[in-house]
Amino acid sequence: MSSLCGRCGDGKAAVLPDGTVAVCEIGRFLTAGSVRGASLASVLAGERWAEVAASVARRAGAAPCDPDCSPNDDTCQPSSGGTCGPSDG
């Protein structure tokens, strides 16, 4: 939990290959439901989503997750042709 930027669940969600919905790409262990048995909208509007998102300690003035390319920068996609490797830091 201490490695998370504190903005999990703020405007983004991660849908994992098995349909599990998590509050962040980095915090894949913070799951809130599945799109296999419900719509994404219902998972995001659910009580479990609110509970899981609230469990992440918010940091005042939290900057976007590092590295800047992911998960914060939507331009880092396989189709862009660029690389988006892990942070060196």
C-alpha atoms as a PDB file:
ATOM      1  CA  MET A   1       0.000   0.000   0.000  1.00  0.00           C
ATOM      2  CA  SER A   2       2.849   2.396   0.770  1.00  0.00           C
ATOM      3  CA  SER A   3       4.068   2.161  -2.851  1.00  0.00           C
ATOM      4  CA  LEU A   4       0.816   3.549  -4.239  1.00  0.00           C
ATOM      5  CA  CYS A   5       0.604   7.228  -5.179  1.00  0.00           C
ATOM      6  CA  GLY A   6      -2.630   7.747  -3.243  1.00  0.00           C
ATOM      7  CA  ARG A   7      -4.833   8.443  -6.262  1.00  0.00           C
ATOM      8  CA  CYS A   8      -6.160   4.920  -6.896  1.00  0.00           C
ATOM      9  CA  GLY A   9      -9.740   4.960  -8.077  1.00  0.00           C
ATOM     10  CA  ASP A  10      -9.610   8.630  -9.110  1.00  0.00           C
ATOM     11  CA  GLY A  11     -11.026   8.633 -12.615  1.00  0.00           C
ATOM     12  CA  LYS A  12      -9.515   5.318 -13.711  1.00  0.00           C
ATOM     13  CA  ALA A  13      -9.966   1.622 -13.127  1.00  0.00           C
ATOM     14  CA  ALA A  14      -8.064  -1.446 -14.243  1.00  0.00           C
ATOM     15  CA  VAL A  15      -9.931  -4.365 -15.786  1.00  0.00           C
ATOM     16  CA  LEU A  16      -7.714  -7.415 -15.526  1.00  0.00           C
ATOM     17  CA  PRO A  17      -7.688 -10.226 -18.121  1.00  0.00           C
ATOM     18  CA  ASP A  18      -9.999 -12.393 -15.996  1.00  0.00           C
ATOM     19  CA  GLY A  19     -12.581  -9.578 -15.719  1.00  0.00           C
ATOM     20  CA  THR A  20     -11.615  -8.501 -12.208  1.00  0.00           C
ATOM     21  CA  VAL A  21     -11.886  -4.754 -11.660  1.00  0.00           C
ATOM     22  CA  ALA A  22      -9.198  -3.061  -9.561  1.00  0.00           C
ATOM     23  CA  VAL A  23      -8.856   0.575  -8.494  1.00  0.00           C
ATOM     24  CA  CYS A  24      -5.495   0.977 -10.195  1.00  0.00           C
ATOM     25  CA  GLU A  25      -3.058  -0.713 -12.556  1.00  0.00           C
ATOM     26  CA  ILE A  26      -0.390  -0.790  -9.862  1.00  0.00           C
ATOM     27  CA  GLY A  27      -2.791  -1.801  -7.065  1.00  0.00           C
ATOM     28  CA  ARG A  28      -4.175  -4.883  -8.809  1.00  0.00           C
ATOM     29  CA  PHE A  29      -4.637  -6.504  -5.415  1.00  0.00           C
ATOM     30  CA  LEU A  30      -7.308  -3.901  -4.575  1.00  0.00           C
ATOM     31  CA  THR A  31     -10.233  -5.516  -6.346  1.00  0.00           C
ATOM     32  CA  ALA A  32     -13.813  -4.343  -6.315  1.00  0.00           C
ATOM     33  CA  GLY A  33     -15.739  -6.800  -8.452  1.00  0.00           C
ATOM     34  CA  SER A  34     -15.825  -8.371 -11.866  1.00  0.00           C
ATOM     35  CA  VAL A  35     -17.248  -7.482 -15.257  1.00  0.00           C
ATOM     36  CA  ARG A  36     -17.896 -11.154 -15.925  1.00  0.00           C
ATOM     37  CA  GLY A  37     -21.130 -11.056 -13.938  1.00  0.00           C
ATOM     38  CA  ALA A  38     -21.960  -7.355 -13.887  1.00  0.00           C
ATOM     39  CA  SER A  39     -21.462  -4.241 -15.960  1.00  0.00           C
ATOM     40  CA  LEU A  40     -18.439  -2.020 -15.384  1.00  0.00           C
ATOM     41  CA  ALA A  41     -20.797   0.824 -14.509  1.00  0.00           C
ATOM     42  CA  SER A  42     -22.410  -1.228 -11.755  1.00  0.00           C
ATOM     43  CA  VAL A  43     -19.021  -2.240 -10.323  1.00  0.00           C
ATOM     44  CA  LEU A  44     -17.879   1.392 -10.266  1.00  0.00           C
ATOM     45  CA  ALA A  45     -21.118   2.512  -8.636  1.00  0.00           C
ATOM     46  CA  GLY A  46     -21.030  -0.271  -6.058  1.00  0.00           C
ATOM     47  CA  GLU A  47     -20.352  -0.158  -2.355  1.00  0.00           C
ATOM     48  CA  ARG A  48     -17.301  -2.408  -2.697  1.00  0.00           C
ATOM     49  CA  TRP A  49     -15.669   0.054  -5.148  1.00  0.00           C
ATOM     50  CA  ALA A  50     -16.196   2.898  -2.684  1.00  0.00           C
ATOM     51  CA  GLU A  51     -14.755   0.820   0.171  1.00  0.00           C
ATOM     52  CA  VAL A  52     -11.671  -0.260  -1.751  1.00  0.00           C
ATOM     53  CA  ALA A  53     -10.954   3.223  -3.125  1.00  0.00           C
ATOM     54  CA  ALA A  54     -11.350   4.684   0.374  1.00  0.00           C
ATOM     55  CA  SER A  55      -8.858   2.154   1.759  1.00  0.00           C
ATOM     56  CA  VAL A  56      -6.026   3.833  -0.164  1.00  0.00           C
ATOM     57  CA  ALA A  57      -4.375   6.510   1.951  1.00  0.00           C
ATOM     58  CA  ARG A  58      -4.716   9.839   0.152  1.00  0.00           C
ATOM     59  CA  ARG A  59      -1.636  12.015  -0.015  1.00  0.00           C
ATOM     60  CA  ALA A  60      -1.964  15.791  -0.075  1.00  0.00           C
ATOM     61  CA  GLY A  61      -0.736  17.098  -3.420  1.00  0.00           C
ATOM     62  CA  ALA A  62      -0.112  13.616  -4.786  1.00  0.00           C
ATOM     63  CA  ALA A  63       1.633  13.753  -8.123  1.00  0.00           C
ATOM     64  CA  PRO A  64       0.738  11.373 -10.934  1.00  0.00           C
ATOM     65  CA  CYS A  65       2.079   7.857 -10.542  1.00  0.00           C
ATOM     66  CA  ASP A  66       5.681   7.358 -11.601  1.00  0.00           C
ATOM     67  CA  PRO A  67       6.847   6.698 -14.205  1.00  0.00           C
ATOM     68  CA  ASP A  68       4.828   9.415 -15.893  1.00  0.00           C
ATOM     69  CA  CYS A  69       4.048   7.207 -18.887  1.00  0.00           C
ATOM     70  CA  SER A  70       1.959   4.718 -16.954  1.00  0.00           C
ATOM     71  CA  PRO A  71      -0.607   4.461 -15.581  1.00  0.00           C
ATOM     72  CA  ASN A  72      -1.175   8.211 -15.741  1.00  0.00           C
ATOM     73  CA  ASP A  73      -0.314   9.005 -19.362  1.00  0.00           C
ATOM     74  CA  ASP A  74      -2.887   7.711 -21.824  1.00  0.00           C
ATOM     75  CA  THR A  75      -0.456   8.150 -24.736  1.00  0.00           C
ATOM     76  CA  CYS A  76       1.516   5.099 -23.590  1.00  0.00           C
ATOM     77  CA  GLN A  77      -0.299   2.447 -25.555  1.00  0.00           C
ATOM     78  CA  PRO A  78       0.986  -0.491 -27.583  1.00  0.00           C
ATOM     79  CA  SER A  79      -0.278   1.195 -30.753  1.00  0.00           C
ATOM     80  CA  SER A  80       1.886   4.289 -30.176  1.00  0.00           C
ATOM     81  CA  GLY A  81       5.034   2.366 -31.085  1.00  0.00           C
ATOM     82  CA  GLY A  82       6.949   3.741 -28.111  1.00  0.00           C
ATOM     83  CA  THR A  83       8.295   1.827 -25.173  1.00  0.00           C
ATOM     84  CA  CYS A  84       6.970   2.190 -21.684  1.00  0.00           C
ATOM     85  CA  GLY A  85       9.321   0.301 -19.440  1.00  0.00           C
ATOM     86  CA  PRO A  86       9.429   0.290 -15.648  1.00  0.00           C
ATOM     87  CA  SER A  87      10.893   3.195 -13.730  1.00  0.00           C
ATOM     88  CA  ASP A  88      14.634   3.142 -13.125  1.00  0.00           C
ATOM     89  CA  GLY A  89      14.096   4.685  -9.693  1.00  0.00           C
END
